[in-house]
N, C-alpha and C. Protein backbone atom coordinates (compact mmCIF):
# COMPACT_ATOMS: atom_id res chain seq x y z
N UNK A 1 13.90 -0.60 2.65
CA UNK A 1 14.62 0.09 3.70
C UNK A 1 14.65 -0.89 4.90
N UNK A 2 15.82 -1.03 5.61
CA UNK A 2 15.90 -1.87 6.71
C UNK A 2 15.95 -1.08 8.05
N UNK A 3 15.24 -1.67 9.06
CA UNK A 3 15.28 -0.99 10.40
C UNK A 3 16.48 -1.45 11.15
N UNK A 4 16.55 -1.15 12.49
CA UNK A 4 17.60 -1.53 13.34
C UNK A 4 17.79 -3.03 13.61
N UNK A 5 16.67 -3.82 13.43
CA UNK A 5 16.67 -5.28 13.65
C UNK A 5 16.85 -5.98 12.29
N UNK A 6 17.24 -5.26 11.24
CA UNK A 6 17.51 -5.74 9.92
C UNK A 6 16.31 -6.41 9.28
N UNK A 7 15.11 -5.90 9.63
CA UNK A 7 13.88 -6.36 8.93
C UNK A 7 13.53 -5.24 7.89
N UNK A 8 13.02 -5.69 6.77
CA UNK A 8 12.58 -4.77 5.76
C UNK A 8 11.32 -4.05 6.15
N UNK A 9 11.33 -2.80 5.98
CA UNK A 9 10.15 -1.95 6.34
C UNK A 9 9.83 -1.11 5.18
N UNK A 10 8.49 -0.82 5.01
CA UNK A 10 8.05 0.04 3.99
C UNK A 10 8.51 1.46 4.28
N UNK A 11 8.98 2.22 3.31
CA UNK A 11 9.53 3.58 3.50
C UNK A 11 8.53 4.56 4.13
N UNK A 12 7.25 4.48 3.89
CA UNK A 12 6.30 5.40 4.41
C UNK A 12 6.01 5.21 5.88
N UNK A 13 6.47 4.13 6.52
CA UNK A 13 6.34 3.97 7.95
C UNK A 13 7.44 4.71 8.69
N UNK A 14 8.50 5.10 8.06
CA UNK A 14 9.56 5.78 8.78
C UNK A 14 9.31 7.33 8.77
N UNK A 15 9.77 8.07 9.74
CA UNK A 15 9.51 9.48 9.92
C UNK A 15 10.46 10.21 8.86
N UNK A 16 9.77 11.09 8.12
CA UNK A 16 10.56 11.91 7.23
C UNK A 16 10.31 13.41 7.67
N UNK A 17 11.29 14.10 8.00
CA UNK A 17 11.10 15.54 8.52
C UNK A 17 10.53 16.38 7.42
N UNK A 18 9.69 17.33 7.80
CA UNK A 18 9.06 18.32 6.85
C UNK A 18 9.48 19.71 7.31
N UNK A 19 9.28 20.61 6.40
CA UNK A 19 9.62 22.06 6.65
C UNK A 19 8.43 22.90 6.66
N UNK A 20 8.43 23.92 7.53
CA UNK A 20 7.35 24.89 7.57
C UNK A 20 7.32 25.69 6.33
N UNK A 21 6.17 25.90 5.69
CA UNK A 21 6.18 26.62 4.44
C UNK A 21 6.39 28.15 4.56
N UNK A 22 6.11 28.65 5.82
CA UNK A 22 6.30 30.08 6.00
C UNK A 22 7.67 30.45 6.48
N UNK A 23 8.31 29.63 7.35
CA UNK A 23 9.63 29.98 7.91
C UNK A 23 10.78 29.13 7.50
N UNK A 24 10.47 28.02 6.78
CA UNK A 24 11.50 27.02 6.35
C UNK A 24 12.11 26.36 7.51
N UNK A 25 11.56 26.39 8.69
CA UNK A 25 12.03 25.65 9.90
C UNK A 25 11.59 24.20 9.80
N UNK A 26 12.41 23.30 10.30
CA UNK A 26 12.07 21.89 10.32
C UNK A 26 11.01 21.57 11.32
N UNK A 27 9.94 20.83 10.91
CA UNK A 27 8.89 20.44 11.88
C UNK A 27 9.25 19.13 12.49
N UNK A 28 9.44 19.14 13.75
CA UNK A 28 9.82 17.90 14.54
C UNK A 28 8.64 16.87 14.63
N UNK A 29 9.00 15.58 14.98
CA UNK A 29 7.98 14.60 15.12
C UNK A 29 7.09 14.86 16.26
N UNK A 30 7.64 15.51 17.31
CA UNK A 30 6.87 15.73 18.52
C UNK A 30 6.30 17.14 18.55
N UNK A 31 6.29 17.88 17.45
CA UNK A 31 5.77 19.30 17.47
C UNK A 31 4.24 19.09 17.19
N UNK A 32 3.47 19.19 18.18
CA UNK A 32 2.02 19.02 18.17
C UNK A 32 1.30 20.28 17.76
N UNK A 33 2.04 21.37 17.61
CA UNK A 33 1.39 22.66 17.18
C UNK A 33 1.65 22.88 15.72
N UNK A 34 1.59 21.89 14.88
CA UNK A 34 1.85 21.95 13.52
C UNK A 34 0.69 21.35 12.73
N UNK A 35 0.43 21.88 11.53
CA UNK A 35 -0.57 21.30 10.70
C UNK A 35 -0.04 21.17 9.29
N UNK A 36 -0.66 20.29 8.50
CA UNK A 36 -0.35 20.17 7.13
C UNK A 36 -1.61 20.17 6.33
N UNK A 37 -1.69 21.04 5.35
CA UNK A 37 -2.88 21.21 4.49
C UNK A 37 -2.53 20.79 3.09
N UNK A 38 -3.35 19.95 2.49
CA UNK A 38 -3.13 19.57 1.05
C UNK A 38 -4.15 20.26 0.21
N UNK A 39 -3.69 21.07 -0.70
CA UNK A 39 -4.57 21.75 -1.67
C UNK A 39 -4.49 21.08 -2.98
N UNK A 40 -5.63 21.09 -3.68
CA UNK A 40 -5.74 20.36 -4.99
C UNK A 40 -5.96 21.38 -6.10
N UNK A 41 -5.53 21.08 -7.25
CA UNK A 41 -5.79 21.91 -8.49
C UNK A 41 -7.07 21.44 -9.11
N UNK A 42 -7.84 22.39 -9.57
CA UNK A 42 -9.13 22.01 -10.28
C UNK A 42 -9.14 22.61 -11.63
N UNK A 43 -9.47 21.90 -12.63
CA UNK A 43 -9.61 22.47 -13.97
C UNK A 43 -10.69 23.48 -14.08
N UNK A 44 -10.50 24.63 -14.73
CA UNK A 44 -11.49 25.68 -14.69
C UNK A 44 -12.70 25.31 -15.58
N UNK A 45 -12.48 24.66 -16.69
CA UNK A 45 -13.58 24.47 -17.58
C UNK A 45 -14.55 23.34 -17.08
N UNK A 46 -14.08 22.09 -16.86
CA UNK A 46 -15.05 21.12 -16.43
C UNK A 46 -15.22 21.18 -14.84
N UNK A 47 -14.32 21.81 -14.07
CA UNK A 47 -14.42 21.95 -12.71
C UNK A 47 -14.14 20.63 -12.01
N UNK A 48 -13.21 19.87 -12.53
CA UNK A 48 -12.84 18.57 -11.95
C UNK A 48 -11.44 18.58 -11.42
N UNK A 49 -11.20 17.68 -10.49
CA UNK A 49 -9.87 17.37 -9.81
C UNK A 49 -8.96 16.79 -10.87
N UNK A 50 -7.69 17.35 -10.96
CA UNK A 50 -6.78 16.84 -12.02
C UNK A 50 -5.53 16.11 -11.44
N UNK A 51 -5.68 15.48 -10.28
CA UNK A 51 -4.66 14.70 -9.73
C UNK A 51 -3.36 15.37 -9.28
N UNK A 52 -3.43 16.74 -9.08
CA UNK A 52 -2.28 17.47 -8.62
C UNK A 52 -2.49 17.96 -7.21
N UNK A 53 -1.69 17.49 -6.28
CA UNK A 53 -1.87 17.98 -4.86
C UNK A 53 -0.60 18.82 -4.51
N UNK A 54 -0.84 19.79 -3.71
CA UNK A 54 0.33 20.58 -3.17
C UNK A 54 0.12 20.66 -1.59
N UNK A 55 1.20 20.25 -0.87
CA UNK A 55 1.03 20.25 0.60
C UNK A 55 1.70 21.48 1.16
N UNK A 56 1.16 22.05 2.18
CA UNK A 56 1.72 23.15 2.91
C UNK A 56 1.79 22.76 4.40
N UNK A 57 2.93 22.95 5.02
CA UNK A 57 3.13 22.67 6.39
C UNK A 57 3.39 23.85 7.21
N UNK A 58 2.67 24.10 8.36
CA UNK A 58 2.86 25.31 9.19
C UNK A 58 2.97 24.96 10.62
N UNK A 59 3.81 25.67 11.29
CA UNK A 59 3.94 25.57 12.76
C UNK A 59 3.05 26.66 13.34
N UNK A 60 2.09 26.29 14.11
CA UNK A 60 1.12 27.25 14.56
C UNK A 60 1.63 28.31 15.45
N UNK A 61 2.59 28.02 16.32
CA UNK A 61 3.13 29.05 17.25
C UNK A 61 3.77 30.19 16.48
N UNK A 62 4.34 29.94 15.30
CA UNK A 62 4.93 31.01 14.52
C UNK A 62 3.88 31.93 13.90
N UNK A 63 2.74 31.33 13.58
CA UNK A 63 1.70 32.13 13.02
C UNK A 63 0.94 32.99 14.03
N UNK A 64 0.74 32.42 15.21
CA UNK A 64 -0.05 33.06 16.29
C UNK A 64 0.70 34.18 16.98
N UNK A 65 2.07 34.06 17.06
CA UNK A 65 2.86 35.05 17.83
C UNK A 65 3.60 35.94 16.98
């Protein structure tokens, strides 16, 4: 990916918008009342982490009001 000065940048340094899991509203970059929680799946029998993560994003003002 190239930035505005035509230098190559890694893609994870660029902002990618996310959506709130409860309301489907876009979470802005300057929205400081938002959180993201990553939950993991665990195998029942051995009780070990199986490399599956699921991320949930929430805007706190929508939950509190």
